[in-house]
């Protein structure tokens, strides 16, 4: 089964499961809570449901029956709720800060409509998570979240402390080594993405809180953090090509990335996809990577790891 076929299957699963949450009555209620039009609420939920399907596609090979799962940055936790109803023990954590603050109200509404003893929703910053309180997890994941965390290296250190000895982390986020910002659809100055604040001041001003949440994480930063934490790292190959394939088979995703869709169309017409599929991981965005403990490596126990020092690309407050 191809990437697109798997993604389509997972999207249909989630759409069917959450059909009761997308009723006109519930959309109207959420519209009042969020002070948005019903259309805006429905469109936003469809985007989140769509991204949840992509996240499920990412983690499906690593789910083990009855395993404990931690989702970082659950936002509207469609996927965590779905996994809980499939028999997994799930904790979904999100700080719900800045541009994502309103999602907590939607998350509570979702949990109320789909209650289950297997899920715990935490309104908490990642740095406050402790193994003594939460226990260990066989799978920890995030999807388009690490780029919004103040210090991603410190976050990975905290999460590594929550992994079981044979556990795994799977994360997907933009790789800002490629000078493109997907939330705003902007091409950034190579090597200095922060300059985009001045080049696109007018466009950014409309969603400044979102821009301020970005830390411009990149491939080398992940490698550095993994080495510091004595973790084995593995980057998925072909993520840019899969991203482009999705553009031509996912109308919701295509609508959100119209400029890239046009560019991808030109690349396909010129026969450039074969080259894109061969690009090494450092030149792919988004980047999807796994982190796990190195077997038999002295000092590799993640529970004794200290957070690496912040780098210049880490956002501070």
C-alpha atoms as a PDB file:
ATOM      1  CA  UNK A   1       0.000   0.000   0.000  1.00  0.00           C
ATOM      2  CA  UNK A   2       1.392   3.418  -0.943  1.00  0.00           C
ATOM      3  CA  UNK A   3       1.812   6.391   1.375  1.00  0.00           C
ATOM      4  CA  UNK A   4      -1.214   8.123  -0.152  1.00  0.00           C
ATOM      5  CA  UNK A   5      -3.369   4.991   0.108  1.00  0.00           C
ATOM      6  CA  UNK A   6      -2.483   4.550   3.780  1.00  0.00           C
ATOM      7  CA  UNK A   7      -3.152   8.221   4.448  1.00  0.00           C
ATOM      8  CA  UNK A   8      -6.548   8.020   2.743  1.00  0.00           C
ATOM      9  CA  UNK A   9      -7.449   4.956   4.789  1.00  0.00           C
ATOM     10  CA  UNK A  10      -6.521   6.642   8.071  1.00  0.00           C
ATOM     11  CA  UNK A  11      -8.411   9.804   7.136  1.00  0.00           C
ATOM     12  CA  UNK A  12     -11.559   7.785   6.451  1.00  0.00           C
ATOM     13  CA  UNK A  13     -11.156   5.997   9.788  1.00  0.00           C
ATOM     14  CA  UNK A  14     -10.995   9.254  11.710  1.00  0.00           C
ATOM     15  CA  UNK A  15     -13.778  10.911   9.732  1.00  0.00           C
ATOM     16  CA  UNK A  16     -16.088   8.002  10.506  1.00  0.00           C
ATOM     17  CA  UNK A  17     -15.131   7.818  14.168  1.00  0.00           C
ATOM     18  CA  UNK A  18     -15.600  11.558  14.814  1.00  0.00           C
ATOM     19  CA  UNK A  19     -18.696  12.079  12.672  1.00  0.00           C
ATOM     20  CA  UNK A  20     -20.689  12.820  15.828  1.00  0.00           C
ATOM     21  CA  UNK A  21     -18.346  15.675  16.703  1.00  0.00           C
ATOM     22  CA  UNK A  22     -18.819  17.362  13.338  1.00  0.00           C
ATOM     23  CA  UNK A  23     -22.597  17.700  13.520  1.00  0.00           C
ATOM     24  CA  UNK A  24     -24.194  21.080  12.843  1.00  0.00           C
ATOM     25  CA  UNK A  25     -25.378  21.260  16.459  1.00  0.00           C
ATOM     26  CA  UNK A  26     -21.895  20.799  17.897  1.00  0.00           C
ATOM     27  CA  UNK A  27     -20.324  23.116  15.332  1.00  0.00           C
ATOM     28  CA  UNK A  28     -22.804  25.805  16.309  1.00  0.00           C
ATOM     29  CA  UNK A  29     -21.953  25.346  19.978  1.00  0.00           C
ATOM     30  CA  UNK A  30     -18.219  25.576  19.295  1.00  0.00           C
ATOM     31  CA  UNK A  31     -18.854  28.646  17.167  1.00  0.00           C
ATOM     32  CA  UNK A  32     -20.282  30.419  20.202  1.00  0.00           C
ATOM     33  CA  UNK A  33     -17.475  29.254  22.497  1.00  0.00           C
ATOM     34  CA  UNK A  34     -14.715  30.363  20.121  1.00  0.00           C
ATOM     35  CA  UNK A  35     -16.464  33.471  18.747  1.00  0.00           C
ATOM     36  CA  UNK A  36     -15.950  32.234  15.188  1.00  0.00           C
ATOM     37  CA  UNK A  37     -18.340  31.530  12.357  1.00  0.00           C
ATOM     38  CA  UNK A  38     -19.600  27.977  11.928  1.00  0.00           C
ATOM     39  CA  UNK A  39     -17.725  27.770   8.616  1.00  0.00           C
ATOM     40  CA  UNK A  40     -14.458  28.816  10.265  1.00  0.00           C
ATOM     41  CA  UNK A  41     -14.931  26.241  13.017  1.00  0.00           C
ATOM     42  CA  UNK A  42     -15.761  23.467  10.572  1.00  0.00           C
ATOM     43  CA  UNK A  43     -12.815  24.298   8.306  1.00  0.00           C
ATOM     44  CA  UNK A  44     -10.448  24.403  11.270  1.00  0.00           C
ATOM     45  CA  UNK A  45     -11.627  21.055  12.621  1.00  0.00           C
ATOM     46  CA  UNK A  46     -11.282  19.456   9.213  1.00  0.00           C
ATOM     47  CA  UNK A  47      -7.679  20.685   8.989  1.00  0.00           C
ATOM     48  CA  UNK A  48      -6.890  19.244  12.425  1.00  0.00           C
ATOM     49  CA  UNK A  49      -8.612  15.972  11.605  1.00  0.00           C
ATOM     50  CA  UNK A  50      -6.660  15.810   8.363  1.00  0.00           C
ATOM     51  CA  UNK A  51      -3.341  16.381  10.143  1.00  0.00           C
ATOM     52  CA  UNK A  52      -4.301  13.767  12.734  1.00  0.00           C
ATOM     53  CA  UNK A  53      -4.658  11.260   9.904  1.00  0.00           C
ATOM     54  CA  UNK A  54      -1.147  12.153   8.704  1.00  0.00           C
ATOM     55  CA  UNK A  55       0.173  11.723  12.257  1.00  0.00           C
ATOM     56  CA  UNK A  56      -1.549   8.337  12.539  1.00  0.00           C
ATOM     57  CA  UNK A  57       0.056   7.374   9.247  1.00  0.00           C
ATOM     58  CA  UNK A  58       3.424   8.284  10.751  1.00  0.00           C
ATOM     59  CA  UNK A  59       3.115   6.332  14.012  1.00  0.00           C
ATOM     60  CA  UNK A  60       1.047   3.319  12.887  1.00  0.00           C
ATOM     61  CA  UNK A  61       4.103   1.057  12.313  1.00  0.00           C
ATOM     62  CA  UNK A  62       5.281   1.688  15.896  1.00  0.00           C
ATOM     63  CA  UNK A  63       2.054   1.101  17.816  1.00  0.00           C
ATOM     64  CA  UNK A  64       2.091  -2.022  19.980  1.00  0.00           C
ATOM     65  CA  UNK A  65      -1.117  -3.479  21.477  1.00  0.00           C
ATOM     66  CA  UNK A  66      -1.789  -2.095  24.940  1.00  0.00           C
ATOM     67  CA  UNK A  67       1.241   0.211  24.781  1.00  0.00           C
ATOM     68  CA  UNK A  68       1.498   3.519  26.619  1.00  0.00           C
ATOM     69  CA  UNK A  69       1.592   6.480  24.235  1.00  0.00           C
ATOM     70  CA  UNK A  70       2.437  10.135  24.855  1.00  0.00           C
ATOM     71  CA  UNK A  71       1.410  12.783  22.331  1.00  0.00           C
ATOM     72  CA  UNK A  72       3.252  16.071  22.617  1.00  0.00           C
ATOM     73  CA  UNK A  73       1.311  19.122  21.458  1.00  0.00           C
ATOM     74  CA  UNK A  74      -2.021  17.370  21.090  1.00  0.00           C
ATOM     75  CA  UNK A  75      -3.913  20.617  20.445  1.00  0.00           C
ATOM     76  CA  UNK A  76      -7.304  19.299  19.425  1.00  0.00           C
ATOM     77  CA  UNK A  77      -6.475  15.700  20.398  1.00  0.00           C
ATOM     78  CA  UNK A  78      -8.388  13.771  17.740  1.00  0.00           C
ATOM     79  CA  UNK A  79      -5.631  11.194  17.425  1.00  0.00           C
ATOM     80  CA  UNK A  80      -5.115  10.675  21.162  1.00  0.00           C
ATOM     81  CA  UNK A  81      -8.841  10.172  21.717  1.00  0.00           C
ATOM     82  CA  UNK A  82      -9.001   7.752  18.800  1.00  0.00           C
ATOM     83  CA  UNK A  83      -6.025   5.745  20.095  1.00  0.00           C
ATOM     84  CA  UNK A  84      -7.544   5.523  23.567  1.00  0.00           C
ATOM     85  CA  UNK A  85     -10.690   3.985  22.092  1.00  0.00           C
ATOM     86  CA  UNK A  86      -8.479   1.483  20.248  1.00  0.00           C
ATOM     87  CA  UNK A  87      -7.087   0.184  23.542  1.00  0.00           C
ATOM     88  CA  UNK A  88      -3.899   2.236  23.978  1.00  0.00           C
ATOM     89  CA  UNK A  89      -3.083   4.032  27.229  1.00  0.00           C
ATOM     90  CA  UNK A  90      -2.677   7.632  26.058  1.00  0.00           C
ATOM     91  CA  UNK A  91      -1.499  10.897  27.588  1.00  0.00           C
ATOM     92  CA  UNK A  92      -1.875  14.038  25.468  1.00  0.00           C
ATOM     93  CA  UNK A  93       0.010  17.108  26.694  1.00  0.00           C
ATOM     94  CA  UNK A  94      -0.066  20.658  25.377  1.00  0.00           C
ATOM     95  CA  UNK A  95       0.773  24.011  26.928  1.00  0.00           C
ATOM     96  CA  UNK A  96      -2.053  25.661  24.921  1.00  0.00           C
ATOM     97  CA  UNK A  97      -0.158  28.941  24.750  1.00  0.00           C
ATOM     98  CA  UNK A  98      -0.294  31.872  22.365  1.00  0.00           C
ATOM     99  CA  UNK A  99      -2.064  31.103  19.068  1.00  0.00           C
ATOM    100  CA  UNK A 100      -3.126  27.682  20.379  1.00  0.00           C
ATOM    101  CA  UNK A 101      -4.808  28.818  23.623  1.00  0.00           C
ATOM    102  CA  UNK A 102      -8.381  28.387  22.359  1.00  0.00           C
ATOM    103  CA  UNK A 103      -7.781  24.740  21.477  1.00  0.00           C
ATOM    104  CA  UNK A 104      -8.059  23.744  25.153  1.00  0.00           C
ATOM    105  CA  UNK A 105     -11.777  24.524  25.108  1.00  0.00           C
ATOM    106  CA  UNK A 106     -12.231  22.391  22.000  1.00  0.00           C
ATOM    107  CA  UNK A 107     -10.145  19.613  23.569  1.00  0.00           C
ATOM    108  CA  UNK A 108     -12.398  19.552  26.637  1.00  0.00           C
ATOM    109  CA  UNK A 109     -15.467  19.445  24.419  1.00  0.00           C
ATOM    110  CA  UNK A 110     -13.984  16.539  22.478  1.00  0.00           C
ATOM    111  CA  UNK A 111     -13.093  14.629  25.627  1.00  0.00           C
ATOM    112  CA  UNK A 112     -16.629  15.170  26.940  1.00  0.00           C
ATOM    113  CA  UNK A 113     -18.197  13.683  23.828  1.00  0.00           C
ATOM    114  CA  UNK A 114     -15.768  10.735  23.632  1.00  0.00           C
ATOM    115  CA  UNK A 115     -14.944   9.858  27.255  1.00  0.00           C
ATOM    116  CA  UNK A 116     -12.606   6.957  27.918  1.00  0.00           C
ATOM    117  CA  UNK A 117     -10.592   5.806  30.909  1.00  0.00           C
ATOM    118  CA  UNK A 118      -7.517   5.252  28.716  1.00  0.00           C
ATOM    119  CA  UNK A 119      -6.877   8.929  27.989  1.00  0.00           C
ATOM    120  CA  UNK A 120      -5.465  11.753  30.071  1.00  0.00           C
ATOM    121  CA  UNK A 121      -5.369  15.313  28.707  1.00  0.00           C
ATOM    122  CA  UNK A 122      -2.771  17.562  30.337  1.00  0.00           C
ATOM    123  CA  UNK A 123      -2.745  21.346  30.076  1.00  0.00           C
ATOM    124  CA  UNK A 124       0.949  21.605  30.869  1.00  0.00           C
ATOM    125  CA  UNK A 125       4.331  22.661  29.481  1.00  0.00           C
ATOM    126  CA  UNK A 126       6.630  19.858  28.334  1.00  0.00           C
ATOM    127  CA  UNK A 127       9.369  20.953  30.745  1.00  0.00           C
ATOM    128  CA  UNK A 128       7.124  20.139  33.713  1.00  0.00           C
ATOM    129  CA  UNK A 129       6.671  16.476  32.756  1.00  0.00           C
ATOM    130  CA  UNK A 130       8.226  13.988  35.163  1.00  0.00           C
ATOM    131  CA  UNK A 131       8.609  10.237  35.030  1.00  0.00           C
ATOM    132  CA  UNK A 132       7.744  10.016  38.726  1.00  0.00           C
ATOM    133  CA  UNK A 133       4.251  11.336  37.934  1.00  0.00           C
ATOM    134  CA  UNK A 134       3.558  10.006  34.452  1.00  0.00           C
ATOM    135  CA  UNK A 135       5.517   6.766  34.317  1.00  0.00           C
ATOM    136  CA  UNK A 136       7.158   5.536  31.109  1.00  0.00           C
ATOM    137  CA  UNK A 137       5.950   5.342  27.523  1.00  0.00           C
ATOM    138  CA  UNK A 138       6.782   2.912  24.754  1.00  0.00           C
ATOM    139  CA  UNK A 139       5.933   5.520  22.107  1.00  0.00           C
ATOM    140  CA  UNK A 140       6.240   9.310  22.262  1.00  0.00           C
ATOM    141  CA  UNK A 141       5.358  11.398  19.244  1.00  0.00           C
ATOM    142  CA  UNK A 142       4.630  14.861  17.933  1.00  0.00           C
ATOM    143  CA  UNK A 143       3.447  16.158  14.590  1.00  0.00           C
ATOM    144  CA  UNK A 144       4.245  19.739  13.560  1.00  0.00           C
ATOM    145  CA  UNK A 145       4.933  20.694  17.175  1.00  0.00           C
ATOM    146  CA  UNK A 146       8.693  20.856  17.817  1.00  0.00           C
ATOM    147  CA  UNK A 147       9.020  24.048  15.769  1.00  0.00           C
ATOM    148  CA  UNK A 148       6.790  25.815  18.321  1.00  0.00           C
ATOM    149  CA  UNK A 149       8.666  24.781  21.476  1.00  0.00           C
ATOM    150  CA  UNK A 150      10.875  27.332  23.236  1.00  0.00           C
ATOM    151  CA  UNK A 151      13.868  25.018  23.578  1.00  0.00           C
ATOM    152  CA  UNK A 152      13.458  21.860  21.486  1.00  0.00           C
ATOM    153  CA  UNK A 153      16.713  20.315  22.743  1.00  0.00           C
ATOM    154  CA  UNK A 154      15.563  20.561  26.353  1.00  0.00           C
ATOM    155  CA  UNK A 155      12.145  19.196  25.346  1.00  0.00           C
ATOM    156  CA  UNK A 156      13.764  16.140  23.742  1.00  0.00           C
ATOM    157  CA  UNK A 157      15.798  15.595  26.900  1.00  0.00           C
ATOM    158  CA  UNK A 158      12.638  15.669  29.019  1.00  0.00           C
ATOM    159  CA  UNK A 159      10.871  13.279  26.672  1.00  0.00           C
ATOM    160  CA  UNK A 160      13.815  10.877  26.573  1.00  0.00           C
ATOM    161  CA  UNK A 161      13.491  10.564  30.347  1.00  0.00           C
ATOM    162  CA  UNK A 162       9.923   9.324  29.828  1.00  0.00           C
ATOM    163  CA  UNK A 163      10.800   6.562  27.354  1.00  0.00           C
ATOM    164  CA  UNK A 164      10.932   2.912  28.311  1.00  0.00           C
ATOM    165  CA  UNK A 165      14.318   1.297  27.770  1.00  0.00           C
ATOM    166  CA  UNK A 166      13.124  -0.138  24.449  1.00  0.00           C
ATOM    167  CA  UNK A 167      10.857   2.820  23.673  1.00  0.00           C
ATOM    168  CA  UNK A 168      10.907   5.161  20.721  1.00  0.00           C
ATOM    169  CA  UNK A 169      10.188   8.782  19.896  1.00  0.00           C
ATOM    170  CA  UNK A 170       8.829   9.772  16.482  1.00  0.00           C
ATOM    171  CA  UNK A 171       8.640  13.442  15.510  1.00  0.00           C
ATOM    172  CA  UNK A 172       7.789  15.305  12.326  1.00  0.00           C
ATOM    173  CA  UNK A 173       8.362  19.032  11.862  1.00  0.00           C
ATOM    174  CA  UNK A 174       9.726  21.517   9.324  1.00  0.00           C
ATOM    175  CA  UNK A 175      13.447  21.397   8.612  1.00  0.00           C
ATOM    176  CA  UNK A 176      14.450  25.054   8.439  1.00  0.00           C
ATOM    177  CA  UNK A 177      17.715  24.142   6.784  1.00  0.00           C
ATOM    178  CA  UNK A 178      15.431  24.433   3.765  1.00  0.00           C
ATOM    179  CA  UNK A 179      14.589  28.169   3.701  1.00  0.00           C
ATOM    180  CA  UNK A 180      10.823  27.855   3.577  1.00  0.00           C
ATOM    181  CA  UNK A 181       8.253  28.588   6.286  1.00  0.00           C
ATOM    182  CA  UNK A 182       5.135  26.418   5.719  1.00  0.00           C
ATOM    183  CA  UNK A 183       2.783  28.126   8.205  1.00  0.00           C
ATOM    184  CA  UNK A 184       3.035  31.419   6.325  1.00  0.00           C
ATOM    185  CA  UNK A 185       4.042  30.068   2.918  1.00  0.00           C
ATOM    186  CA  UNK A 186       7.183  32.234   2.843  1.00  0.00           C
ATOM    187  CA  UNK A 187      10.663  31.706   1.401  1.00  0.00           C
ATOM    188  CA  UNK A 188      13.201  32.770   4.015  1.00  0.00           C
ATOM    189  CA  UNK A 189      16.788  34.079   3.785  1.00  0.00           C
ATOM    190  CA  UNK A 190      19.039  30.966   3.693  1.00  0.00           C
ATOM    191  CA  UNK A 191      20.847  30.485   6.989  1.00  0.00           C
ATOM    192  CA  UNK A 192      19.077  33.373   8.697  1.00  0.00           C
ATOM    193  CA  UNK A 193      15.316  32.647   8.792  1.00  0.00           C
ATOM    194  CA  UNK A 194      14.712  35.223  11.538  1.00  0.00           C
ATOM    195  CA  UNK A 195      15.224  37.969   8.944  1.00  0.00           C
ATOM    196  CA  UNK A 196      11.841  37.001   7.549  1.00  0.00           C
ATOM    197  CA  UNK A 197      10.364  39.134  10.331  1.00  0.00           C
ATOM    198  CA  UNK A 198      11.552  42.238   8.468  1.00  0.00           C
ATOM    199  CA  UNK A 199      11.173  41.026   4.895  1.00  0.00           C
ATOM    200  CA  UNK A 200       7.534  40.041   5.422  1.00  0.00           C
ATOM    201  CA  UNK A 201       6.575  42.407   8.242  1.00  0.00           C
ATOM    202  CA  UNK A 202       3.120  43.168   6.841  1.00  0.00           C
ATOM    203  CA  UNK A 203       2.107  39.558   6.331  1.00  0.00           C
ATOM    204  CA  UNK A 204       3.536  38.416   9.642  1.00  0.00           C
ATOM    205  CA  UNK A 205       1.802  41.195  11.580  1.00  0.00           C
ATOM    206  CA  UNK A 206      -1.548  39.518  10.973  1.00  0.00           C
ATOM    207  CA  UNK A 207      -0.380  36.431  12.895  1.00  0.00           C
ATOM    208  CA  UNK A 208       2.551  37.719  14.907  1.00  0.00           C
ATOM    209  CA  UNK A 209       1.912  35.377  17.823  1.00  0.00           C
ATOM    210  CA  UNK A 210       2.322  32.408  15.472  1.00  0.00           C
ATOM    211  CA  UNK A 211       5.567  33.788  14.070  1.00  0.00           C
ATOM    212  CA  UNK A 212       6.887  34.423  17.580  1.00  0.00           C
ATOM    213  CA  UNK A 213       6.211  30.786  18.464  1.00  0.00           C
ATOM    214  CA  UNK A 214       8.653  29.510  15.813  1.00  0.00           C
ATOM    215  CA  UNK A 215      12.157  28.367  16.781  1.00  0.00           C
ATOM    216  CA  UNK A 216      13.403  27.437  13.259  1.00  0.00           C
ATOM    217  CA  UNK A 217      14.555  23.955  14.211  1.00  0.00           C
ATOM    218  CA  UNK A 218      16.786  22.203  11.674  1.00  0.00           C
ATOM    219  CA  UNK A 219      18.389  18.866  10.859  1.00  0.00           C
ATOM    220  CA  UNK A 220      21.782  19.500  12.494  1.00  0.00           C
ATOM    221  CA  UNK A 221      20.100  20.660  15.685  1.00  0.00           C
ATOM    222  CA  UNK A 222      18.331  17.302  16.014  1.00  0.00           C
ATOM    223  CA  UNK A 223      21.584  15.426  15.356  1.00  0.00           C
ATOM    224  CA  UNK A 224      23.355  17.477  18.023  1.00  0.00           C
ATOM    225  CA  UNK A 225      20.613  16.862  20.587  1.00  0.00           C
ATOM    226  CA  UNK A 226      20.575  13.116  19.866  1.00  0.00           C
ATOM    227  CA  UNK A 227      24.343  12.851  20.357  1.00  0.00           C
ATOM    228  CA  UNK A 228      24.191  14.829  23.598  1.00  0.00           C
ATOM    229  CA  UNK A 229      21.453  12.546  24.932  1.00  0.00           C
ATOM    230  CA  UNK A 230      23.196   9.346  23.751  1.00  0.00           C
ATOM    231  CA  UNK A 231      20.203   8.481  21.580  1.00  0.00           C
ATOM    232  CA  UNK A 232      20.184   6.639  18.291  1.00  0.00           C
ATOM    233  CA  UNK A 233      18.624   8.779  15.547  1.00  0.00           C
ATOM    234  CA  UNK A 234      17.072   7.729  12.260  1.00  0.00           C
ATOM    235  CA  UNK A 235      15.625  10.120   9.681  1.00  0.00           C
ATOM    236  CA  UNK A 236      12.962   8.938   7.285  1.00  0.00           C
ATOM    237  CA  UNK A 237      13.925   9.253   3.650  1.00  0.00           C
ATOM    238  CA  UNK A 238      11.700  10.746   0.957  1.00  0.00           C
ATOM    239  CA  UNK A 239       9.582  12.962   3.207  1.00  0.00           C
ATOM    240  CA  UNK A 240       9.595  15.862   0.735  1.00  0.00           C
ATOM    241  CA  UNK A 241       8.460  13.556  -2.072  1.00  0.00           C
ATOM    242  CA  UNK A 242       5.695  12.133   0.165  1.00  0.00           C
ATOM    243  CA  UNK A 243       4.690  15.713   1.005  1.00  0.00           C
ATOM    244  CA  UNK A 244       4.366  16.490  -2.707  1.00  0.00           C
ATOM    245  CA  UNK A 245       2.399  13.286  -3.359  1.00  0.00           C
ATOM    246  CA  UNK A 246       0.007  14.349  -0.626  1.00  0.00           C
ATOM    247  CA  UNK A 247      -0.496  17.725  -2.301  1.00  0.00           C
ATOM    248  CA  UNK A 248      -1.978  15.997  -5.338  1.00  0.00           C
ATOM    249  CA  UNK A 249      -4.234  13.637  -3.386  1.00  0.00           C
ATOM    250  CA  UNK A 250      -5.424  15.653  -0.389  1.00  0.00           C
ATOM    251  CA  UNK A 251      -7.694  18.615  -1.264  1.00  0.00           C
ATOM    252  CA  UNK A 252      -7.585  20.092   2.251  1.00  0.00           C
ATOM    253  CA  UNK A 253      -3.793  19.957   2.337  1.00  0.00           C
ATOM    254  CA  UNK A 254      -3.575  21.344  -1.184  1.00  0.00           C
ATOM    255  CA  UNK A 255      -5.776  24.310  -0.303  1.00  0.00           C
ATOM    256  CA  UNK A 256      -3.467  25.214   2.599  1.00  0.00           C
ATOM    257  CA  UNK A 257      -0.319  25.099   0.464  1.00  0.00           C
ATOM    258  CA  UNK A 258      -1.357  26.505  -2.905  1.00  0.00           C
ATOM    259  CA  UNK A 259       2.016  28.066  -3.771  1.00  0.00           C
ATOM    260  CA  UNK A 260       3.904  24.828  -3.108  1.00  0.00           C
ATOM    261  CA  UNK A 261       1.244  22.902  -5.008  1.00  0.00           C
ATOM    262  CA  UNK A 262       1.868  25.070  -8.064  1.00  0.00           C
ATOM    263  CA  UNK A 263       5.633  24.650  -7.762  1.00  0.00           C
ATOM    264  CA  UNK A 264       5.241  20.890  -7.284  1.00  0.00           C
ATOM    265  CA  UNK A 265       3.095  20.750 -10.403  1.00  0.00           C
ATOM    266  CA  UNK A 266       5.880  22.424 -12.394  1.00  0.00           C
ATOM    267  CA  UNK A 267       8.482  20.047 -10.949  1.00  0.00           C
ATOM    268  CA  UNK A 268       6.371  17.024 -11.860  1.00  0.00           C
ATOM    269  CA  UNK A 269       5.814  18.279 -15.390  1.00  0.00           C
ATOM    270  CA  UNK A 270       9.564  18.746 -15.812  1.00  0.00           C
ATOM    271  CA  UNK A 271      10.300  15.224 -14.568  1.00  0.00           C
ATOM    272  CA  UNK A 272      12.005  16.350 -11.395  1.00  0.00           C
ATOM    273  CA  UNK A 273      10.307  13.976  -8.963  1.00  0.00           C
ATOM    274  CA  UNK A 274      12.897  11.221  -9.468  1.00  0.00           C
ATOM    275  CA  UNK A 275      15.587  13.592  -8.190  1.00  0.00           C
ATOM    276  CA  UNK A 276      13.481  14.774  -5.245  1.00  0.00           C
ATOM    277  CA  UNK A 277      12.870  11.175  -4.167  1.00  0.00           C
ATOM    278  CA  UNK A 278      16.647  10.665  -3.972  1.00  0.00           C
ATOM    279  CA  UNK A 279      17.377  13.706  -1.804  1.00  0.00           C
ATOM    280  CA  UNK A 280      19.181  12.767   1.435  1.00  0.00           C
ATOM    281  CA  UNK A 281      17.364  13.530   4.719  1.00  0.00           C
ATOM    282  CA  UNK A 282      19.264  16.791   5.473  1.00  0.00           C
ATOM    283  CA  UNK A 283      17.640  18.315   2.377  1.00  0.00           C
ATOM    284  CA  UNK A 284      14.093  17.166   3.065  1.00  0.00           C
ATOM    285  CA  UNK A 285      11.366  19.179   4.689  1.00  0.00           C
ATOM    286  CA  UNK A 286       9.389  18.274   6.642  1.00  0.00           C
ATOM    287  CA  UNK A 287      11.792  16.005   8.495  1.00  0.00           C
ATOM    288  CA  UNK A 288      10.503  12.889  10.231  1.00  0.00           C
ATOM    289  CA  UNK A 289      12.881  11.216  12.641  1.00  0.00           C
ATOM    290  CA  UNK A 290      12.970   8.556  15.318  1.00  0.00           C
ATOM    291  CA  UNK A 291      14.984   8.595  18.532  1.00  0.00           C
ATOM    292  CA  UNK A 292      15.704   5.561  20.695  1.00  0.00           C
ATOM    293  CA  UNK A 293      18.207   4.424  23.264  1.00  0.00           C
ATOM    294  CA  UNK A 294      21.460   3.036  21.932  1.00  0.00           C
ATOM    295  CA  UNK A 295      21.673  -0.585  23.091  1.00  0.00           C
ATOM    296  CA  UNK A 296      24.705  -1.395  25.168  1.00  0.00           C
ATOM    297  CA  UNK A 297      26.132   2.119  25.128  1.00  0.00           C
ATOM    298  CA  UNK A 298      27.646   3.184  28.476  1.00  0.00           C
ATOM    299  CA  UNK A 299      25.859   6.206  29.884  1.00  0.00           C
ATOM    300  CA  UNK A 300      23.060   5.868  27.360  1.00  0.00           C
ATOM    301  CA  UNK A 301      20.288   5.487  29.930  1.00  0.00           C
ATOM    302  CA  UNK A 302      17.921   8.330  28.989  1.00  0.00           C
ATOM    303  CA  UNK A 303      16.682   8.753  32.572  1.00  0.00           C
ATOM    304  CA  UNK A 304      20.057  10.208  33.573  1.00  0.00           C
ATOM    305  CA  UNK A 305      20.354  12.628  30.662  1.00  0.00           C
ATOM    306  CA  UNK A 306      20.754  16.322  31.243  1.00  0.00           C
ATOM    307  CA  UNK A 307      19.186  18.827  28.822  1.00  0.00           C
ATOM    308  CA  UNK A 308      21.685  20.147  26.284  1.00  0.00           C
ATOM    309  CA  UNK A 309      22.417  23.868  26.494  1.00  0.00           C
ATOM    310  CA  UNK A 310      20.224  26.129  24.330  1.00  0.00           C
ATOM    311  CA  UNK A 311      21.625  26.967  20.914  1.00  0.00           C
ATOM    312  CA  UNK A 312      21.370  30.172  18.965  1.00  0.00           C
ATOM    313  CA  UNK A 313      18.408  28.731  17.075  1.00  0.00           C
ATOM    314  CA  UNK A 314      16.482  27.994  20.278  1.00  0.00           C
ATOM    315  CA  UNK A 315      13.818  30.547  21.103  1.00  0.00           C
ATOM    316  CA  UNK A 316      13.947  32.062  24.582  1.00  0.00           C
ATOM    317  CA  UNK A 317      11.432  34.014  26.577  1.00  0.00           C
END
